[in-house]
Amino acid sequence: MAGASLVFFIIFFIIYGLILLASLAMAVVQIIATWKLYEKAGEPGWTSIVPVYYYMQQIKIATGSFKLAWIYLGLTAVYIVGCLVMSFAEFIENSDMADIILIVSVIICFITIIPICVIAGYIYYMFPKSYGKSQLFCILSIFFPQIMVIIMGFDKSTQYVGPKGVPMYNNYNNYF
């Protein structure tokens, strides 16, 4: 019986190691593709490796402004605080107060997650549109954003058009 469990653990760690290596390889490919796309948009490629700034930069490229990025960041912060409060509500000794705090934090999390998802979907749609991609490509990007970014990043014919797909020569370059 001990030999069977040893074989199980060896197989488990081999499979886990392969999954880990595949995930790391995919992450590196994703970073390289995003780096290339940011440079095509005239932005520094290194921003593709900075976790929060990466998404803010993607919103700027897609919409031409950081305004939506700050709204998204604020909503995300409220959501995270709500989740933290929810997780610590059980440690409050007064059970009535803990229940109220739990209910309020659940409502806050529910209310903030809806606009977060809407903004994320909008950005995943507008990002390929700013590179002149088709309607179908933009819709697929909502559901498969990492795959579509890799396709765009390694496609030599992909060029940055402008925010929201509006050509840059249209005096639409309001990035602030």
Protein backbone atom coordinates (compact mmCIF):
# COMPACT_ATOMS: atom_id res chain seq x y z
CA MET A 1 0.00 0.00 0.00
CA ALA A 2 2.87 2.36 0.75
CA GLY A 3 4.32 1.78 -2.70
CA ALA A 4 1.02 2.70 -4.36
CA SER A 5 0.78 5.99 -2.48
CA LEU A 6 4.38 6.80 -3.40
CA VAL A 7 3.62 6.20 -7.07
CA PHE A 8 0.51 8.38 -6.75
CA PHE A 9 2.52 11.24 -5.26
CA ILE A 10 5.22 10.97 -7.92
CA ILE A 11 2.62 11.03 -10.70
CA PHE A 12 0.81 13.91 -8.97
CA PHE A 13 3.96 16.01 -8.73
CA ILE A 14 4.95 15.25 -12.32
CA ILE A 15 1.52 16.36 -13.56
CA TYR A 16 1.55 19.38 -11.25
CA GLY A 17 5.04 20.31 -12.46
CA LEU A 18 3.97 20.07 -16.10
CA ILE A 19 0.93 22.25 -15.44
CA LEU A 20 3.13 24.76 -13.61
CA LEU A 21 5.65 24.86 -16.47
CA ALA A 22 2.87 25.27 -19.05
CA SER A 23 1.36 28.11 -16.99
CA LEU A 24 4.71 29.89 -16.71
CA ALA A 25 5.35 29.49 -20.44
CA MET A 26 1.89 30.90 -21.20
CA ALA A 27 2.53 33.84 -18.85
CA VAL A 28 5.82 34.63 -20.59
CA VAL A 29 4.17 34.45 -24.02
CA GLN A 30 1.36 36.71 -22.74
CA ILE A 31 3.86 39.27 -21.41
CA ILE A 32 5.81 39.30 -24.68
CA ALA A 33 2.61 39.75 -26.73
CA THR A 34 1.37 42.55 -24.48
CA TRP A 35 4.80 44.21 -24.56
CA LYS A 36 4.68 44.24 -28.37
CA LEU A 37 1.13 45.63 -28.42
CA TYR A 38 1.99 48.42 -25.98
CA GLU A 39 5.00 49.41 -28.09
CA LYS A 40 2.81 49.43 -31.23
CA ALA A 41 0.55 51.89 -29.39
CA GLY A 42 3.54 54.12 -28.58
CA GLU A 43 3.58 53.21 -24.89
CA PRO A 44 6.51 51.75 -22.97
CA GLY A 45 6.54 47.96 -23.19
CA TRP A 46 7.80 47.51 -19.64
CA THR A 47 4.37 48.52 -18.33
CA SER A 48 3.13 45.08 -19.37
CA ILE A 49 4.95 43.54 -16.40
CA VAL A 50 3.72 45.92 -13.68
CA PRO A 51 0.55 44.28 -12.26
CA VAL A 52 -1.89 47.16 -11.62
CA TYR A 53 -0.36 49.65 -14.02
CA TYR A 54 -0.60 47.02 -16.77
CA TYR A 55 -4.39 47.15 -16.75
CA MET A 56 -4.47 50.93 -16.37
CA GLN A 57 -2.24 51.21 -19.43
CA GLN A 58 -4.49 48.81 -21.33
CA ILE A 59 -7.50 50.99 -20.50
CA LYS A 60 -5.61 54.08 -21.66
CA ILE A 61 -4.70 52.43 -24.96
CA ALA A 62 -8.28 51.22 -25.48
CA THR A 63 -10.12 54.41 -24.50
CA GLY A 64 -7.54 57.18 -24.79
CA SER A 65 -7.82 58.20 -21.15
CA PHE A 66 -6.94 57.11 -17.64
CA LYS A 67 -10.36 58.22 -16.33
CA LEU A 68 -12.00 54.82 -16.68
CA ALA A 69 -8.86 53.22 -15.23
CA TRP A 70 -9.18 55.28 -12.05
CA ILE A 71 -12.88 54.40 -11.78
CA TYR A 72 -12.02 50.73 -12.24
CA LEU A 73 -9.24 50.94 -9.67
CA GLY A 74 -11.53 52.66 -7.16
CA LEU A 75 -14.29 50.09 -7.61
CA THR A 76 -11.78 47.28 -7.25
CA ALA A 77 -10.44 48.80 -4.03
CA VAL A 78 -13.97 49.08 -2.61
CA TYR A 79 -14.62 45.46 -3.60
CA ILE A 80 -11.42 44.24 -1.94
CA VAL A 81 -12.18 46.17 1.26
CA GLY A 82 -15.72 44.73 1.27
CA CYS A 83 -14.34 41.21 0.92
CA LEU A 84 -11.83 41.79 3.72
CA VAL A 85 -14.52 43.14 6.03
CA MET A 86 -16.69 40.15 5.14
CA SER A 87 -13.92 37.73 6.04
CA PHE A 88 -13.25 39.40 9.40
CA ALA A 89 -16.93 39.85 10.37
CA GLU A 90 -17.01 36.46 12.07
CA PHE A 91 -14.39 37.59 14.59
CA ILE A 92 -16.66 40.30 16.02
CA GLU A 93 -17.99 39.17 19.40
CA ASN A 94 -21.39 40.83 19.08
CA SER A 95 -23.23 38.46 16.73
CA ASP A 96 -25.92 41.01 15.80
CA MET A 97 -23.27 43.54 14.79
CA ALA A 98 -21.35 40.83 12.92
CA ASP A 99 -24.49 39.92 10.97
CA ILE A 100 -25.13 43.53 10.01
CA ILE A 101 -21.51 44.04 8.95
CA LEU A 102 -21.63 40.80 6.96
CA ILE A 103 -24.83 41.78 5.15
CA VAL A 104 -23.56 45.28 4.36
CA SER A 105 -20.23 43.97 3.08
CA VAL A 106 -21.98 41.38 0.89
CA ILE A 107 -24.19 44.12 -0.59
CA ILE A 108 -21.14 46.34 -1.20
CA CYS A 109 -19.30 43.49 -2.91
CA PHE A 110 -22.31 42.63 -5.04
CA ILE A 111 -22.91 46.24 -6.05
CA THR A 112 -19.26 46.85 -7.00
CA ILE A 113 -18.64 43.60 -8.88
CA ILE A 114 -21.28 44.41 -11.50
CA PRO A 115 -19.63 47.62 -12.80
CA ILE A 116 -16.21 45.97 -12.49
CA CYS A 117 -17.35 43.20 -14.84
CA VAL A 118 -19.00 45.68 -17.22
CA ILE A 119 -15.84 47.81 -17.39
CA ALA A 120 -13.66 44.71 -17.90
CA GLY A 121 -15.89 43.51 -20.74
CA TYR A 122 -15.87 46.97 -22.31
CA ILE A 123 -12.07 47.18 -22.15
CA TYR A 124 -11.65 43.65 -23.51
CA TYR A 125 -13.88 44.71 -26.41
CA MET A 126 -12.27 48.12 -27.05
CA PHE A 127 -8.63 47.00 -26.77
CA PRO A 128 -8.61 45.02 -30.05
CA LYS A 129 -10.86 47.64 -31.62
CA SER A 130 -8.11 50.21 -31.00
CA TYR A 131 -5.90 47.99 -33.16
CA GLY A 132 -8.48 47.94 -35.97
CA LYS A 133 -9.73 44.42 -35.37
CA SER A 134 -13.12 43.17 -36.59
CA GLN A 135 -16.34 43.07 -34.61
CA LEU A 136 -16.11 39.28 -34.23
CA PHE A 137 -12.52 39.51 -32.99
CA CYS A 138 -13.57 42.12 -30.41
CA ILE A 139 -16.46 39.97 -29.19
CA LEU A 140 -14.23 36.91 -28.91
CA SER A 141 -11.79 39.05 -26.96
CA ILE A 142 -14.41 39.51 -24.22
CA PHE A 143 -14.51 35.76 -23.64
CA PHE A 144 -10.91 34.81 -24.50
CA PRO A 145 -8.83 37.95 -23.78
CA GLN A 146 -5.48 36.23 -23.21
CA ILE A 147 -5.66 34.21 -26.41
CA MET A 148 -6.72 37.21 -28.48
CA VAL A 149 -3.92 39.37 -27.04
CA ILE A 150 -1.41 36.69 -28.00
CA ILE A 151 -2.85 36.54 -31.53
CA MET A 152 -2.69 40.34 -31.86
CA GLY A 153 0.76 40.62 -30.29
CA PHE A 154 2.43 38.17 -32.64
CA ASP A 155 0.54 39.26 -35.77
CA LYS A 156 2.94 41.49 -37.70
CA SER A 157 0.08 43.11 -39.61
CA THR A 158 -1.61 44.40 -36.43
CA GLN A 159 -1.11 48.16 -36.12
CA TYR A 160 -2.43 50.59 -33.56
CA VAL A 161 -5.24 52.67 -35.03
CA GLY A 162 -6.19 54.84 -32.08
CA PRO A 163 -8.33 54.80 -28.96
CA LYS A 164 -11.75 53.21 -29.52
CA GLY A 165 -10.70 52.43 -33.09
CA VAL A 166 -10.75 56.11 -34.08
CA PRO A 167 -7.75 56.98 -36.26
CA MET A 168 -5.08 58.96 -34.44
CA TYR A 169 -5.04 61.74 -37.06
CA ASN A 170 -8.55 62.68 -35.94
CA ASN A 171 -7.33 65.02 -33.12
CA TYR A 172 -8.64 62.50 -30.60
CA ASN A 173 -5.34 62.18 -28.72
CA ASN A 174 -6.68 63.34 -25.36
CA TYR A 175 -4.79 61.03 -23.00
CA PHE A 176 -5.35 62.99 -19.81
